Full PDB file with SEQRES, HELIX, SHEET, SSBOND, CRYST1, ORIGX, SCALE, CONECT and MASTER records, all heavy atoms in Angstrom:
SEQRES   1 A   41  ALA SER ALA GLY ILE PRO GLU GLY ALA ILE GLN LEU ILE          
SEQRES   2 A   41  PRO THR THR ASP ARG GLU ALA ALA SER ILE MET MET THR          
SEQRES   3 A   41  MET ASN ASP CYS ILE ASP VAL LEU ILE PRO ARG GLY GLY          
SEQRES   4 A   41  ARG GLY                                                      
HELIX    1 AA1 ARG A   18  MET A   24  1                                   7    
CRYST1    1.000    1.000    1.000  90.00  90.00  90.00 P 1           1          
ORIGX1      1.000000  0.000000  0.000000        0.00000                         
ORIGX2      0.000000  1.000000  0.000000        0.00000                         
ORIGX3      0.000000  0.000000  1.000000        0.00000                         
SCALE1      1.000000  0.000000  0.000000        0.00000                         
SCALE2      0.000000  1.000000  0.000000        0.00000                         
SCALE3      0.000000  0.000000  1.000000        0.00000                         
ATOM      1  N   ALA A   1       0.831  -1.207   0.000  1.00  0.00           N  
ATOM      2  CA  ALA A   1       0.000   0.000   0.000  1.00  0.00           C  
ATOM      3  C   ALA A   1       0.865   1.256   0.000  1.00  0.00           C  
ATOM      4  O   ALA A   1       0.536   2.253  -0.665  1.00  0.00           O  
ATOM      5  CB  ALA A   1      -0.932  -0.012   1.207  1.00  0.00           C  
ATOM      6  N   SER A   2       1.984   1.212   0.714  1.00  0.00           N  
ATOM      7  CA  SER A   2       2.871   2.379   0.766  1.00  0.00           C  
ATOM      8  C   SER A   2       3.489   2.684  -0.590  1.00  0.00           C  
ATOM      9  O   SER A   2       3.932   3.805  -0.837  1.00  0.00           O  
ATOM     10  CB  SER A   2       3.982   2.148   1.798  1.00  0.00           C  
ATOM     11  OG  SER A   2       4.924   1.183   1.330  1.00  0.00           O  
ATOM     12  N   ALA A   3       3.521   1.678  -1.475  1.00  0.00           N  
ATOM     13  CA  ALA A   3       4.097   1.861  -2.806  1.00  0.00           C  
ATOM     14  C   ALA A   3       3.042   2.169  -3.860  1.00  0.00           C  
ATOM     15  O   ALA A   3       3.371   2.269  -5.052  1.00  0.00           O  
ATOM     16  CB  ALA A   3       4.880   0.613  -3.201  1.00  0.00           C  
ATOM     17  N   GLY A   4       1.770   2.298  -3.441  1.00  0.00           N  
ATOM     18  CA  GLY A   4       0.732   2.692  -4.383  1.00  0.00           C  
ATOM     19  C   GLY A   4      -0.226   1.613  -4.813  1.00  0.00           C  
ATOM     20  O   GLY A   4      -1.043   1.823  -5.719  1.00  0.00           O  
ATOM     21  N   ILE A   5      -0.183   0.460  -4.168  1.00  0.00           N  
ATOM     22  CA  ILE A   5      -1.124  -0.623  -4.483  1.00  0.00           C  
ATOM     23  C   ILE A   5      -2.431  -0.359  -3.736  1.00  0.00           C  
ATOM     24  O   ILE A   5      -2.415   0.005  -2.561  1.00  0.00           O  
ATOM     25  CB  ILE A   5      -0.532  -1.990  -4.085  1.00  0.00           C  
ATOM     26  CG1 ILE A   5       0.740  -2.263  -4.890  1.00  0.00           C  
ATOM     27  CG2 ILE A   5      -1.547  -3.107  -4.293  1.00  0.00           C  
ATOM     28  CD1 ILE A   5       0.554  -2.270  -6.398  1.00  0.00           C  
ATOM     29  N   PRO A   6      -3.583  -0.550  -4.383  1.00  0.00           N  
ATOM     30  CA  PRO A   6      -4.872  -0.262  -3.731  1.00  0.00           C  
ATOM     31  C   PRO A   6      -5.083  -1.058  -2.447  1.00  0.00           C  
ATOM     32  O   PRO A   6      -4.696  -2.230  -2.356  1.00  0.00           O  
ATOM     33  CB  PRO A   6      -5.905  -0.665  -4.791  1.00  0.00           C  
ATOM     34  CG  PRO A   6      -5.168  -0.647  -6.089  1.00  0.00           C  
ATOM     35  CD  PRO A   6      -3.754  -0.996  -5.782  1.00  0.00           C  
ATOM     36  N   GLU A   7      -5.680  -0.415  -1.457  1.00  0.00           N  
ATOM     37  CA  GLU A   7      -6.058  -1.109  -0.226  1.00  0.00           C  
ATOM     38  C   GLU A   7      -7.013  -2.250  -0.570  1.00  0.00           C  
ATOM     39  O   GLU A   7      -7.896  -2.097  -1.413  1.00  0.00           O  
ATOM     40  CB  GLU A   7      -6.750  -0.143   0.738  1.00  0.00           C  
ATOM     41  CG  GLU A   7      -5.870   0.988   1.248  1.00  0.00           C  
ATOM     42  CD  GLU A   7      -4.939   0.545   2.366  1.00  0.00           C  
ATOM     43  OE1 GLU A   7      -5.108  -0.597   2.865  1.00  0.00           O  
ATOM     44  OE2 GLU A   7      -4.048   1.334   2.731  1.00  0.00           O  
ATOM     45  N   GLY A   8      -6.829  -3.383   0.085  1.00  0.00           N  
ATOM     46  CA  GLY A   8      -7.691  -4.537  -0.172  1.00  0.00           C  
ATOM     47  C   GLY A   8      -7.152  -5.483  -1.215  1.00  0.00           C  
ATOM     48  O   GLY A   8      -7.753  -6.535  -1.462  1.00  0.00           O  
ATOM     49  N   ALA A   9      -6.014  -5.143  -1.832  1.00  0.00           N  
ATOM     50  CA  ALA A   9      -5.448  -6.026  -2.866  1.00  0.00           C  
ATOM     51  C   ALA A   9      -4.848  -7.292  -2.266  1.00  0.00           C  
ATOM     52  O   ALA A   9      -4.804  -8.333  -2.926  1.00  0.00           O  
ATOM     53  CB  ALA A   9      -4.392  -5.275  -3.671  1.00  0.00           C  
ATOM     54  N   ILE A  10      -4.359  -7.200  -1.027  1.00  0.00           N  
ATOM     55  CA  ILE A  10      -3.796  -8.370  -0.332  1.00  0.00           C  
ATOM     56  C   ILE A  10      -4.485  -8.474   1.022  1.00  0.00           C  
ATOM     57  O   ILE A  10      -4.325  -7.601   1.873  1.00  0.00           O  
ATOM     58  CB  ILE A  10      -2.276  -8.229  -0.124  1.00  0.00           C  
ATOM     59  CG1 ILE A  10      -1.552  -8.071  -1.465  1.00  0.00           C  
ATOM     60  CG2 ILE A  10      -1.728  -9.434   0.646  1.00  0.00           C  
ATOM     61  CD1 ILE A  10      -0.077  -7.720  -1.323  1.00  0.00           C  
ATOM     62  N   GLN A  11      -5.282  -9.525   1.209  1.00  0.00           N  
ATOM     63  CA  GLN A  11      -5.994  -9.705   2.469  1.00  0.00           C  
ATOM     64  C   GLN A  11      -5.880 -11.142   2.947  1.00  0.00           C  
ATOM     65  O   GLN A  11      -5.913 -12.082   2.150  1.00  0.00           O  
ATOM     66  CB  GLN A  11      -7.474  -9.350   2.313  1.00  0.00           C  
ATOM     67  CG  GLN A  11      -7.744  -7.890   1.947  1.00  0.00           C  
ATOM     68  CD  GLN A  11      -9.226  -7.614   1.876  1.00  0.00           C  
ATOM     69  OE1 GLN A  11      -9.891  -7.375   2.876  1.00  0.00           O  
ATOM     70  NE2 GLN A  11      -9.767  -7.657   0.675  1.00  0.00           N  
ATOM     71  N   LEU A  12      -5.779 -11.286   4.262  1.00  0.00           N  
ATOM     72  CA  LEU A  12      -5.779 -12.603   4.902  1.00  0.00           C  
ATOM     73  C   LEU A  12      -7.004 -12.703   5.796  1.00  0.00           C  
ATOM     74  O   LEU A  12      -7.291 -11.775   6.565  1.00  0.00           O  
ATOM     75  CB  LEU A  12      -4.516 -12.794   5.740  1.00  0.00           C  
ATOM     76  CG  LEU A  12      -4.431 -14.110   6.517  1.00  0.00           C  
ATOM     77  CD1 LEU A  12      -3.930 -15.236   5.606  1.00  0.00           C  
ATOM     78  CD2 LEU A  12      -3.517 -13.983   7.739  1.00  0.00           C  
ATOM     79  N   ILE A  13      -7.731 -13.805   5.691  1.00  0.00           N  
ATOM     80  CA  ILE A  13      -8.867 -14.025   6.587  1.00  0.00           C  
ATOM     81  C   ILE A  13      -8.328 -14.300   7.987  1.00  0.00           C  
ATOM     82  O   ILE A  13      -7.624 -15.287   8.202  1.00  0.00           O  
ATOM     83  CB  ILE A  13      -9.739 -15.195   6.086  1.00  0.00           C  
ATOM     84  CG1 ILE A  13     -10.349 -14.833   4.724  1.00  0.00           C  
ATOM     85  CG2 ILE A  13     -10.843 -15.508   7.088  1.00  0.00           C  
ATOM     86  CD1 ILE A  13     -11.108 -15.952   4.077  1.00  0.00           C  
ATOM     87  N   PRO A  14      -8.642 -13.439   8.957  1.00  0.00           N  
ATOM     88  CA  PRO A  14      -7.965 -13.501  10.262  1.00  0.00           C  
ATOM     89  C   PRO A  14      -8.626 -14.433  11.270  1.00  0.00           C  
ATOM     90  O   PRO A  14      -8.756 -14.096  12.447  1.00  0.00           O  
ATOM     91  CB  PRO A  14      -8.036 -12.043  10.732  1.00  0.00           C  
ATOM     92  CG  PRO A  14      -9.333 -11.559  10.186  1.00  0.00           C  
ATOM     93  CD  PRO A  14      -9.526 -12.262   8.857  1.00  0.00           C  
ATOM     94  N   THR A  15      -9.068 -15.577  10.821  1.00  0.00           N  
ATOM     95  CA  THR A  15      -9.724 -16.517  11.731  1.00  0.00           C  
ATOM     96  C   THR A  15      -9.437 -17.938  11.297  1.00  0.00           C  
ATOM     97  O   THR A  15      -9.201 -18.199  10.105  1.00  0.00           O  
ATOM     98  CB  THR A  15     -11.246 -16.284  11.772  1.00  0.00           C  
ATOM     99  OG1 THR A  15     -11.855 -17.273  12.616  1.00  0.00           O  
ATOM    100  CG2 THR A  15     -11.857 -16.408  10.388  1.00  0.00           C  
ATOM    101  N   THR A  16      -9.467 -18.858  12.253  1.00  0.00           N  
ATOM    102  CA  THR A  16      -9.311 -20.280  11.931  1.00  0.00           C  
ATOM    103  C   THR A  16     -10.659 -20.986  11.821  1.00  0.00           C  
ATOM    104  O   THR A  16     -10.712 -22.195  11.620  1.00  0.00           O  
ATOM    105  CB  THR A  16      -8.462 -20.980  13.011  1.00  0.00           C  
ATOM    106  OG1 THR A  16      -9.114 -20.845  14.278  1.00  0.00           O  
ATOM    107  CG2 THR A  16      -7.071 -20.373  13.082  1.00  0.00           C  
ATOM    108  N   ASP A  17     -11.731 -20.230  11.940  1.00  0.00           N  
ATOM    109  CA  ASP A  17     -13.082 -20.790  11.860  1.00  0.00           C  
ATOM    110  C   ASP A  17     -13.288 -21.441  10.491  1.00  0.00           C  
ATOM    111  O   ASP A  17     -13.141 -20.796   9.448  1.00  0.00           O  
ATOM    112  CB  ASP A  17     -14.114 -19.675  12.077  1.00  0.00           C  
ATOM    113  CG  ASP A  17     -15.525 -20.216  12.271  1.00  0.00           C  
ATOM    114  OD1 ASP A  17     -15.829 -21.306  11.738  1.00  0.00           O  
ATOM    115  OD2 ASP A  17     -16.329 -19.540  12.941  1.00  0.00           O  
ATOM    116  N   ARG A  18     -13.624 -22.722  10.487  1.00  0.00           N  
ATOM    117  CA  ARG A  18     -13.800 -23.432   9.213  1.00  0.00           C  
ATOM    118  C   ARG A  18     -14.948 -22.875   8.390  1.00  0.00           C  
ATOM    119  O   ARG A  18     -14.975 -23.015   7.166  1.00  0.00           O  
ATOM    120  CB  ARG A  18     -14.015 -24.923   9.479  1.00  0.00           C  
ATOM    121  CG  ARG A  18     -12.768 -25.625   9.997  1.00  0.00           C  
ATOM    122  CD  ARG A  18     -12.949 -27.125  10.040  1.00  0.00           C  
ATOM    123  NE  ARG A  18     -11.732 -27.794  10.465  1.00  0.00           N  
ATOM    124  CZ  ARG A  18     -11.598 -29.109  10.514  1.00  0.00           C  
ATOM    125  NH1 ARG A  18     -12.609 -29.889  10.157  1.00  0.00           N  
ATOM    126  NH2 ARG A  18     -10.458 -29.648  10.918  1.00  0.00           N  
ATOM    127  N   GLU A  19     -15.907 -22.263   9.065  1.00  0.00           N  
ATOM    128  CA  GLU A  19     -17.028 -21.686   8.331  1.00  0.00           C  
ATOM    129  C   GLU A  19     -16.555 -20.583   7.386  1.00  0.00           C  
ATOM    130  O   GLU A  19     -17.151 -20.362   6.336  1.00  0.00           O  
ATOM    131  CB  GLU A  19     -18.071 -21.127   9.303  1.00  0.00           C  
ATOM    132  CG  GLU A  19     -19.352 -20.696   8.600  1.00  0.00           C  
ATOM    133  CD  GLU A  19     -20.359 -20.054   9.544  1.00  0.00           C  
ATOM    134  OE1 GLU A  19     -20.143 -20.088  10.769  1.00  0.00           O  
ATOM    135  OE2 GLU A  19     -21.358 -19.504   9.028  1.00  0.00           O  
ATOM    136  N   ALA A  20     -15.467 -19.905   7.754  1.00  0.00           N  
ATOM    137  CA  ALA A  20     -14.931 -18.850   6.887  1.00  0.00           C  
ATOM    138  C   ALA A  20     -14.516 -19.431   5.539  1.00  0.00           C  
ATOM    139  O   ALA A  20     -14.780 -18.838   4.479  1.00  0.00           O  
ATOM    140  CB  ALA A  20     -13.755 -18.162   7.564  1.00  0.00           C  
ATOM    141  N   ALA A  21     -13.872 -20.594   5.566  1.00  0.00           N  
ATOM    142  CA  ALA A  21     -13.474 -21.241   4.314  1.00  0.00           C  
ATOM    143  C   ALA A  21     -14.704 -21.669   3.518  1.00  0.00           C  
ATOM    144  O   ALA A  21     -14.734 -21.534   2.287  1.00  0.00           O  
ATOM    145  CB  ALA A  21     -12.588 -22.441   4.609  1.00  0.00           C  
ATOM    146  N   SER A  22     -15.728 -22.183   4.211  1.00  0.00           N  
ATOM    147  CA  SER A  22     -16.950 -22.605   3.525  1.00  0.00           C  
ATOM    148  C   SER A  22     -17.639 -21.418   2.853  1.00  0.00           C  
ATOM    149  O   SER A  22     -18.125 -21.527   1.723  1.00  0.00           O  
ATOM    150  CB  SER A  22     -17.898 -23.272   4.515  1.00  0.00           C  
ATOM    151  OG  SER A  22     -17.323 -24.448   5.058  1.00  0.00           O  
ATOM    152  N   ILE A  23     -17.688 -20.300   3.536  1.00  0.00           N  
ATOM    153  CA  ILE A  23     -18.282 -19.095   2.962  1.00  0.00           C  
ATOM    154  C   ILE A  23     -17.482 -18.652   1.738  1.00  0.00           C  
ATOM    155  O   ILE A  23     -18.037 -18.303   0.689  1.00  0.00           O  
ATOM    156  CB  ILE A  23     -18.351 -17.966   4.012  1.00  0.00           C  
ATOM    157  CG1 ILE A  23     -19.319 -18.346   5.137  1.00  0.00           C  
ATOM    158  CG2 ILE A  23     -18.776 -16.642   3.365  1.00  0.00           C  
ATOM    159  CD1 ILE A  23     -19.270 -17.406   6.332  1.00  0.00           C  
ATOM    160  N   MET A  24     -16.186 -18.673   1.882  1.00  0.00           N  
ATOM    161  CA  MET A  24     -15.292 -18.253   0.801  1.00  0.00           C  
ATOM    162  C   MET A  24     -15.528 -19.060  -0.476  1.00  0.00           C  
ATOM    163  O   MET A  24     -15.457 -18.528  -1.587  1.00  0.00           O  
ATOM    164  CB  MET A  24     -13.844 -18.418   1.278  1.00  0.00           C  
ATOM    165  CG  MET A  24     -12.786 -17.854   0.376  1.00  0.00           C  
ATOM    166  SD  MET A  24     -11.176 -18.025   1.211  1.00  0.00           S  
ATOM    167  CE  MET A  24     -10.078 -17.514  -0.105  1.00  0.00           C  
ATOM    168  N   MET A  25     -15.843 -20.337  -0.313  1.00  0.00           N  
ATOM    169  CA  MET A  25     -16.038 -21.219  -1.467  1.00  0.00           C  
ATOM    170  C   MET A  25     -17.286 -20.877  -2.280  1.00  0.00           C  
ATOM    171  O   MET A  25     -17.438 -21.354  -3.413  1.00  0.00           O  
ATOM    172  CB  MET A  25     -16.113 -22.677  -1.008  1.00  0.00           C  
ATOM    173  CG  MET A  25     -14.830 -23.213  -0.410  1.00  0.00           C  
ATOM    174  SD  MET A  25     -15.052 -24.947   0.121  1.00  0.00           S  
ATOM    175  CE  MET A  25     -13.813 -25.076   1.412  1.00  0.00           C  
ATOM    176  N   THR A  26     -18.177 -20.070  -1.720  1.00  0.00           N  
ATOM    177  CA  THR A  26     -19.420 -19.746  -2.422  1.00  0.00           C  
ATOM    178  C   THR A  26     -19.554 -18.247  -2.702  1.00  0.00           C  
ATOM    179  O   THR A  26     -20.648 -17.780  -3.006  1.00  0.00           O  
ATOM    180  CB  THR A  26     -20.634 -20.223  -1.605  1.00  0.00           C  
ATOM    181  OG1 THR A  26     -20.622 -19.594  -0.312  1.00  0.00           O  
ATOM    182  CG2 THR A  26     -20.601 -21.733  -1.425  1.00  0.00           C  
ATOM    183  N   MET A  27     -18.464 -17.518  -2.629  1.00  0.00           N  
ATOM    184  CA  MET A  27     -18.502 -16.069  -2.844  1.00  0.00           C  
ATOM    185  C   MET A  27     -18.319 -15.728  -4.324  1.00  0.00           C  
ATOM    186  O   MET A  27     -17.408 -15.012  -4.731  1.00  0.00           O  
ATOM    187  CB  MET A  27     -17.445 -15.380  -1.979  1.00  0.00           C  
ATOM    188  CG  MET A  27     -17.733 -15.451  -0.493  1.00  0.00           C  
ATOM    189  SD  MET A  27     -16.400 -14.794   0.562  1.00  0.00           S  
ATOM    190  CE  MET A  27     -16.334 -13.082   0.030  1.00  0.00           C  
ATOM    191  N   ASN A  28     -19.238 -16.255  -5.147  1.00  0.00           N  
ATOM    192  CA  ASN A  28     -19.125 -16.065  -6.595  1.00  0.00           C  
ATOM    193  C   ASN A  28     -19.196 -14.609  -7.024  1.00  0.00           C  
ATOM    194  O   ASN A  28     -18.665 -14.242  -8.077  1.00  0.00           O  
ATOM    195  CB  ASN A  28     -20.236 -16.847  -7.306  1.00  0.00           C  
ATOM    196  CG  ASN A  28     -20.133 -18.337  -7.091  1.00  0.00           C  
ATOM    197  OD1 ASN A  28     -20.232 -18.822  -5.969  1.00  0.00           O  
ATOM    198  ND2 ASN A  28     -19.925 -19.084  -8.170  1.00  0.00           N  
ATOM    199  N   ASP A  29     -19.864 -13.774  -6.224  1.00  0.00           N  
ATOM    200  CA  ASP A  29     -19.992 -12.368  -6.592  1.00  0.00           C  
ATOM    201  C   ASP A  29     -18.700 -11.595  -6.364  1.00  0.00           C  
ATOM    202  O   ASP A  29     -18.542 -10.493  -6.902  1.00  0.00           O  
ATOM    203  CB  ASP A  29     -21.133 -11.709  -5.803  1.00  0.00           C  
ATOM    204  CG  ASP A  29     -20.982 -11.877  -4.301  1.00  0.00           C  
ATOM    205  OD1 ASP A  29     -20.288 -12.813  -3.870  1.00  0.00           O  
ATOM    206  OD2 ASP A  29     -21.580 -11.079  -3.555  1.00  0.00           O  
ATOM    207  N   CYS A  30     -17.778 -12.160  -5.598  1.00  0.00           N  
ATOM    208  CA  CYS A  30     -16.539 -11.449  -5.267  1.00  0.00           C  
ATOM    209  C   CYS A  30     -15.271 -12.154  -5.735  1.00  0.00           C  
ATOM    210  O   CYS A  30     -14.281 -11.492  -6.059  1.00  0.00           O  
ATOM    211  CB  CYS A  30     -16.434 -11.244  -3.755  1.00  0.00           C  
ATOM    212  SG  CYS A  30     -17.745 -10.234  -3.031  1.00  0.00           S  
ATOM    213  N   ILE A  31     -15.275 -13.477  -5.751  1.00  0.00           N  
ATOM    214  CA  ILE A  31     -14.065 -14.247  -6.068  1.00  0.00           C  
ATOM    215  C   ILE A  31     -14.216 -14.887  -7.439  1.00  0.00           C  
ATOM    216  O   ILE A  31     -15.226 -15.522  -7.736  1.00  0.00           O  
ATOM    217  CB  ILE A  31     -13.797 -15.315  -4.992  1.00  0.00           C  
ATOM    218  CG1 ILE A  31     -13.560 -14.652  -3.626  1.00  0.00           C  
ATOM    219  CG2 ILE A  31     -12.593 -16.174  -5.365  1.00  0.00           C  
ATOM    220  CD1 ILE A  31     -13.390 -15.634  -2.485  1.00  0.00           C  
ATOM    221  N   ASP A  32     -13.196 -14.719  -8.280  1.00  0.00           N  
ATOM    222  CA  ASP A  32     -13.255 -15.245  -9.642  1.00  0.00           C  
ATOM    223  C   ASP A  32     -12.749 -16.676  -9.758  1.00  0.00           C  
ATOM    224  O   ASP A  32     -13.217 -17.437 -10.604  1.00  0.00           O  
ATOM    225  CB  ASP A  32     -12.440 -14.338 -10.577  1.00  0.00           C  
ATOM    226  CG  ASP A  32     -13.068 -12.963 -10.702  1.00  0.00           C  
ATOM    227  OD1 ASP A  32     -14.086 -12.844 -11.401  1.00  0.00           O  
ATOM    228  OD2 ASP A  32     -12.557 -12.016 -10.076  1.00  0.00           O  
ATOM    229  N   VAL A  33     -11.782 -17.043  -8.929  1.00  0.00           N  
ATOM    230  CA  VAL A  33     -11.252 -18.405  -8.966  1.00  0.00           C  
ATOM    231  C   VAL A  33     -10.684 -18.757  -7.594  1.00  0.00           C  
ATOM    232  O   VAL A  33     -10.142 -17.894  -6.899  1.00  0.00           O  
ATOM    233  CB  VAL A  33     -10.169 -18.557 -10.065  1.00  0.00           C  
ATOM    234  CG1 VAL A  33      -8.954 -17.697  -9.772  1.00  0.00           C  
ATOM    235  CG2 VAL A  33      -9.760 -20.012 -10.253  1.00  0.00           C  
ATOM    236  N   LEU A  34     -10.842 -20.017  -7.217  1.00  0.00           N  
ATOM    237  CA  LEU A  34     -10.270 -20.537  -5.970  1.00  0.00           C  
ATOM    238  C   LEU A  34      -9.118 -21.475  -6.296  1.00  0.00           C  
ATOM    239  O   LEU A  34      -9.212 -22.290  -7.222  1.00  0.00           O  
ATOM    240  CB  LEU A  34     -11.310 -21.328  -5.182  1.00  0.00           C  
ATOM    241  CG  LEU A  34     -12.233 -20.602  -4.211  1.00  0.00           C  
ATOM    242  CD1 LEU A  34     -13.215 -21.609  -3.622  1.00  0.00           C  
ATOM    243  CD2 LEU A  34     -11.453 -19.918  -3.101  1.00  0.00           C  
ATOM    244  N   ILE A  35      -8.055 -21.374  -5.499  1.00  0.00           N  
ATOM    245  CA  ILE A  35      -6.928 -22.290  -5.647  1.00  0.00           C  
ATOM    246  C   ILE A  35      -6.662 -22.939  -4.287  1.00  0.00           C  
ATOM    247  O   ILE A  35      -6.239 -22.256  -3.351  1.00  0.00           O  
ATOM    248  CB  ILE A  35      -5.663 -21.564  -6.137  1.00  0.00           C  
ATOM    249  CG1 ILE A  35      -5.928 -20.870  -7.478  1.00  0.00           C  
ATOM    250  CG2 ILE A  35      -4.503 -22.549  -6.258  1.00  0.00           C  
ATOM    251  CD1 ILE A  35      -4.757 -20.059  -7.989  1.00  0.00           C  
ATOM    252  N   PRO A  36      -6.946 -24.235  -4.136  1.00  0.00           N  
ATOM    253  CA  PRO A  36      -6.611 -24.929  -2.883  1.00  0.00           C  
ATOM    254  C   PRO A  36      -5.191 -25.475  -2.938  1.00  0.00           C  
ATOM    255  O   PRO A  36      -4.765 -26.030  -3.954  1.00  0.00           O  
ATOM    256  CB  PRO A  36      -7.629 -26.069  -2.840  1.00  0.00           C  
ATOM    257  CG  PRO A  36      -7.905 -26.371  -4.280  1.00  0.00           C  
ATOM    258  CD  PRO A  36      -7.704 -25.101  -5.056  1.00  0.00           C  
ATOM    259  N   ARG A  37      -4.458 -25.317  -1.852  1.00  0.00           N  
ATOM    260  CA  ARG A  37      -3.111 -25.890  -1.748  1.00  0.00           C  
ATOM    261  C   ARG A  37      -3.015 -26.659  -0.446  1.00  0.00           C  
ATOM    262  O   ARG A  37      -3.105 -26.067   0.632  1.00  0.00           O  
ATOM    263  CB  ARG A  37      -2.038 -24.800  -1.789  1.00  0.00           C  
ATOM    264  CG  ARG A  37      -1.871 -24.152  -3.139  1.00  0.00           C  
ATOM    265  CD  ARG A  37      -0.618 -23.300  -3.197  1.00  0.00           C  
ATOM    266  NE  ARG A  37       0.598 -24.067  -2.920  1.00  0.00           N  
ATOM    267  CZ  ARG A  37       1.827 -23.576  -3.064  1.00  0.00           C  
ATOM    268  NH1 ARG A  37       1.995 -22.337  -3.479  1.00  0.00           N  
ATOM    269  NH2 ARG A  37       2.874 -24.314  -2.783  1.00  0.00           N  
ATOM    270  N   GLY A  38      -2.879 -27.969  -0.545  1.00  0.00           N  
ATOM    271  CA  GLY A  38      -2.798 -28.768   0.672  1.00  0.00           C  
ATOM    272  C   GLY A  38      -2.974 -30.238   0.378  1.00  0.00           C  
ATOM    273  O   GLY A  38      -2.778 -30.697  -0.747  1.00  0.00           O  
ATOM    274  N   GLY A  39      -3.391 -30.986   1.386  1.00  0.00           N  
ATOM    275  CA  GLY A  39      -3.539 -32.423   1.271  1.00  0.00           C  
ATOM    276  C   GLY A  39      -4.820 -32.846   0.581  1.00  0.00           C  
ATOM    277  O   GLY A  39      -5.658 -32.025   0.189  1.00  0.00           O  
ATOM    278  N   ARG A  40      -4.958 -34.152   0.448  1.00  0.00           N  
ATOM    279  CA  ARG A  40      -6.097 -34.729  -0.261  1.00  0.00           C  
ATOM    280  C   ARG A  40      -7.432 -34.273   0.325  1.00  0.00           C  
ATOM    281  O   ARG A  40      -8.361 -33.934  -0.405  1.00  0.00           O  
ATOM    282  CB  ARG A  40      -6.006 -36.258  -0.201  1.00  0.00           C  
ATOM    283  CG  ARG A  40      -7.055 -36.983  -1.020  1.00  0.00           C  
ATOM    284  CD  ARG A  40      -6.944 -38.492  -0.819  1.00  0.00           C  
ATOM    285  NE  ARG A  40      -5.639 -38.991  -1.195  1.00  0.00           N  
ATOM    286  CZ  ARG A  40      -5.340 -39.394  -2.431  1.00  0.00           C  
ATOM    287  NH1 ARG A  40      -6.247 -39.321  -3.386  1.00  0.00           N  
ATOM    288  NH2 ARG A  40      -4.133 -39.866  -2.702  1.00  0.00           N  
ATOM    289  N   GLY A  41      -7.533 -34.229   1.665  1.00  0.00           N  
ATOM    290  CA  GLY A  41      -8.793 -33.854   2.297  1.00  0.00           C  
ATOM    291  C   GLY A  41      -9.207 -32.440   1.957  1.00  0.00           C  
ATOM    292  O   GLY A  41     -10.380 -32.176   1.638  1.00  0.00           O  
TER     293      GLY A  41                                                      
MASTER        0    0    0    1    0    0    0    6  292    1    0    4          
END                                                                             
């Protein structure tokens, strides 16, 4: 942001609540693509 990048361009969800991830998976109006990185589950 100090170098001129718009606020909100880099955000981290500040909770470990699993519901946050579930909500994120259905935010079609805001998110264009999801990329999961992790194990099989």
